[in-house]
């Protein structure tokens, strides 16, 4: 049976793929879970229309992300934290702390954009990647200083 995927299915494909799968797999899993639709001519036309709409929205999102990236580029976020010997922090600095510090400086940035692998636990200068879009990634300079 030919189906068009509506959502990504592990090991099968991504949305928009036209696939031939076993009848039982399509009838018992893909169609009831609304992961796919029958590959009729009407559904193919609808899919092409949806692709155009998604491409237009994606280009708008990309341009918006580039505008934000231009503002964020060159910004340094400075945080003061208590630290012990060997420059280890009492606690840590998370993406939430960084977004709050940026908000006080006038930059609205959601914390989900920050690609902080793990919380920062020491003093120093760190480059934190900010992924605004799949194609737009900028580096944010974060400086952690000792609080007196």
Protein backbone atom coordinates (compact mmCIF):
# COMPACT_ATOMS: atom_id res chain seq x y z
CA UNK A 1 0.00 0.00 0.00
CA UNK A 2 1.28 3.45 -0.86
CA UNK A 3 1.16 6.03 1.94
CA UNK A 4 2.35 9.58 2.50
CA UNK A 5 3.98 10.18 5.87
CA UNK A 6 2.53 13.03 7.92
CA UNK A 7 5.02 12.70 10.76
CA UNK A 8 8.53 11.35 11.09
CA UNK A 9 8.66 7.60 11.75
CA UNK A 10 11.92 6.08 13.01
CA UNK A 11 13.45 3.75 10.44
CA UNK A 12 10.81 4.60 7.82
CA UNK A 13 11.04 8.24 6.73
CA UNK A 14 10.26 11.87 7.26
CA UNK A 15 7.07 13.86 6.62
CA UNK A 16 6.22 14.09 2.96
CA UNK A 17 7.83 10.81 1.93
CA UNK A 18 5.72 8.60 -0.34
CA UNK A 19 6.38 4.99 0.64
CA UNK A 20 5.13 1.52 -0.17
CA UNK A 21 4.54 -0.41 3.05
CA UNK A 22 2.81 -3.63 4.01
CA UNK A 23 -0.99 -3.37 4.02
CA UNK A 24 -1.26 -4.51 7.65
CA UNK A 25 1.38 -2.05 8.83
CA UNK A 26 -0.46 0.80 7.16
CA UNK A 27 -3.96 -0.26 8.27
CA UNK A 28 -3.07 -1.24 11.85
CA UNK A 29 -0.41 1.30 12.77
CA UNK A 30 0.36 4.19 10.42
CA UNK A 31 -3.20 5.22 9.52
CA UNK A 32 -4.85 4.84 12.99
CA UNK A 33 -1.97 6.71 14.67
CA UNK A 34 -2.34 9.44 12.00
CA UNK A 35 1.30 9.08 11.04
CA UNK A 36 0.40 8.66 7.37
CA UNK A 37 -2.45 9.00 4.84
CA UNK A 38 -3.32 7.03 1.71
CA UNK A 39 -1.32 8.17 -1.32
CA UNK A 40 -4.28 9.36 -3.41
CA UNK A 41 -4.03 12.09 -6.04
CA UNK A 42 -5.90 14.51 -3.77
CA UNK A 43 -3.53 13.84 -0.86
CA UNK A 44 -0.50 14.30 -3.13
CA UNK A 45 -1.78 17.73 -4.26
CA UNK A 46 -2.49 18.69 -0.66
CA UNK A 47 1.03 17.57 0.30
CA UNK A 48 2.56 19.78 -2.40
CA UNK A 49 0.52 22.74 -1.15
CA UNK A 50 1.60 22.09 2.44
CA UNK A 51 5.26 21.89 1.37
CA UNK A 52 4.99 25.33 -0.26
CA UNK A 53 3.35 26.79 2.86
CA UNK A 54 5.99 25.22 5.12
CA UNK A 55 8.81 26.51 2.91
CA UNK A 56 7.41 30.04 3.05
CA UNK A 57 7.06 29.88 6.84
CA UNK A 58 10.56 28.43 7.17
CA UNK A 59 12.05 31.27 5.13
CA UNK A 60 10.26 33.82 7.35
CA UNK A 61 11.54 32.05 10.48
CA UNK A 62 15.07 31.96 9.06
CA UNK A 63 15.03 35.70 8.34
CA UNK A 64 13.68 36.45 11.82
CA UNK A 65 16.43 34.26 13.32
CA UNK A 66 19.07 36.13 11.31
CA UNK A 67 17.76 39.45 12.64
CA UNK A 68 18.01 38.19 16.21
CA UNK A 69 21.47 36.75 15.49
CA UNK A 70 22.67 40.14 14.27
CA UNK A 71 21.59 41.68 17.58
CA UNK A 72 23.10 38.90 19.72
CA UNK A 73 26.43 38.76 17.88
CA UNK A 74 29.08 40.55 19.88
CA UNK A 75 27.04 40.63 23.10
CA UNK A 76 28.82 39.65 26.29
CA UNK A 77 26.76 38.36 29.19
CA UNK A 78 28.48 38.95 32.53
CA UNK A 79 27.36 37.14 35.67
CA UNK A 80 28.76 37.52 39.17
CA UNK A 81 28.70 34.45 41.38
CA UNK A 82 30.21 33.37 44.67
CA UNK A 83 33.15 31.04 44.22
CA UNK A 84 35.44 29.09 46.46
CA UNK A 85 39.05 28.14 46.07
CA UNK A 86 40.20 26.84 42.69
CA UNK A 87 37.57 29.10 41.04
CA UNK A 88 34.75 26.59 41.60
CA UNK A 89 31.28 28.14 41.93
CA UNK A 90 28.97 27.57 44.86
CA UNK A 91 26.19 26.24 42.67
CA UNK A 92 26.12 26.61 38.92
CA UNK A 93 25.06 28.89 36.07
CA UNK A 94 22.25 27.49 33.91
CA UNK A 95 20.60 28.61 30.71
CA UNK A 96 17.86 30.19 32.84
CA UNK A 97 20.45 32.38 34.61
CA UNK A 98 21.92 33.46 31.28
CA UNK A 99 18.52 34.39 29.80
CA UNK A 100 17.66 36.38 32.93
CA UNK A 101 20.95 38.29 32.68
CA UNK A 102 20.28 38.99 29.00
CA UNK A 103 16.77 40.18 29.84
CA UNK A 104 18.19 42.78 32.25
CA UNK A 105 20.46 43.99 29.42
CA UNK A 106 17.47 44.34 27.10
CA UNK A 107 17.70 41.13 25.05
CA UNK A 108 14.70 38.82 24.94
CA UNK A 109 15.95 35.31 24.24
CA UNK A 110 14.26 32.04 25.11
CA UNK A 111 16.36 29.60 27.11
CA UNK A 112 15.58 26.71 24.77
CA UNK A 113 17.75 28.44 22.15
CA UNK A 114 20.85 28.13 24.35
CA UNK A 115 22.78 24.94 23.60
CA UNK A 116 24.37 24.65 27.03
CA UNK A 117 25.50 21.02 27.35
CA UNK A 118 25.80 21.20 31.11
CA UNK A 119 25.63 23.97 33.72
CA UNK A 120 28.72 26.13 34.14
CA UNK A 121 30.43 25.41 37.47
CA UNK A 122 33.58 27.53 37.39
CA UNK A 123 34.78 31.07 36.81
CA UNK A 124 35.92 32.11 33.37
CA UNK A 125 34.86 33.00 29.84
CA UNK A 126 32.63 30.57 27.96
CA UNK A 127 31.24 30.57 24.44
CA UNK A 128 27.66 29.28 24.49
CA UNK A 129 26.10 28.36 21.13
CA UNK A 130 22.68 29.92 20.52
CA UNK A 131 20.67 27.92 17.99
CA UNK A 132 17.98 30.28 16.72
CA UNK A 133 17.14 28.17 13.66
CA UNK A 134 18.45 24.97 12.13
CA UNK A 135 20.65 27.09 9.85
CA UNK A 136 21.35 30.04 12.20
CA UNK A 137 23.71 29.43 15.11
CA UNK A 138 25.68 32.19 16.85
CA UNK A 139 28.08 32.23 19.78
CA UNK A 140 27.22 34.12 22.95
CA UNK A 141 30.11 35.12 25.18
CA UNK A 142 29.37 34.40 28.86
CA UNK A 143 31.73 35.75 31.49
CA UNK A 144 31.48 34.38 35.02
CA UNK A 145 33.20 36.63 37.56
CA UNK A 146 33.80 36.32 41.27
CA UNK A 147 31.31 38.13 43.45
CA UNK A 148 33.05 40.21 46.11
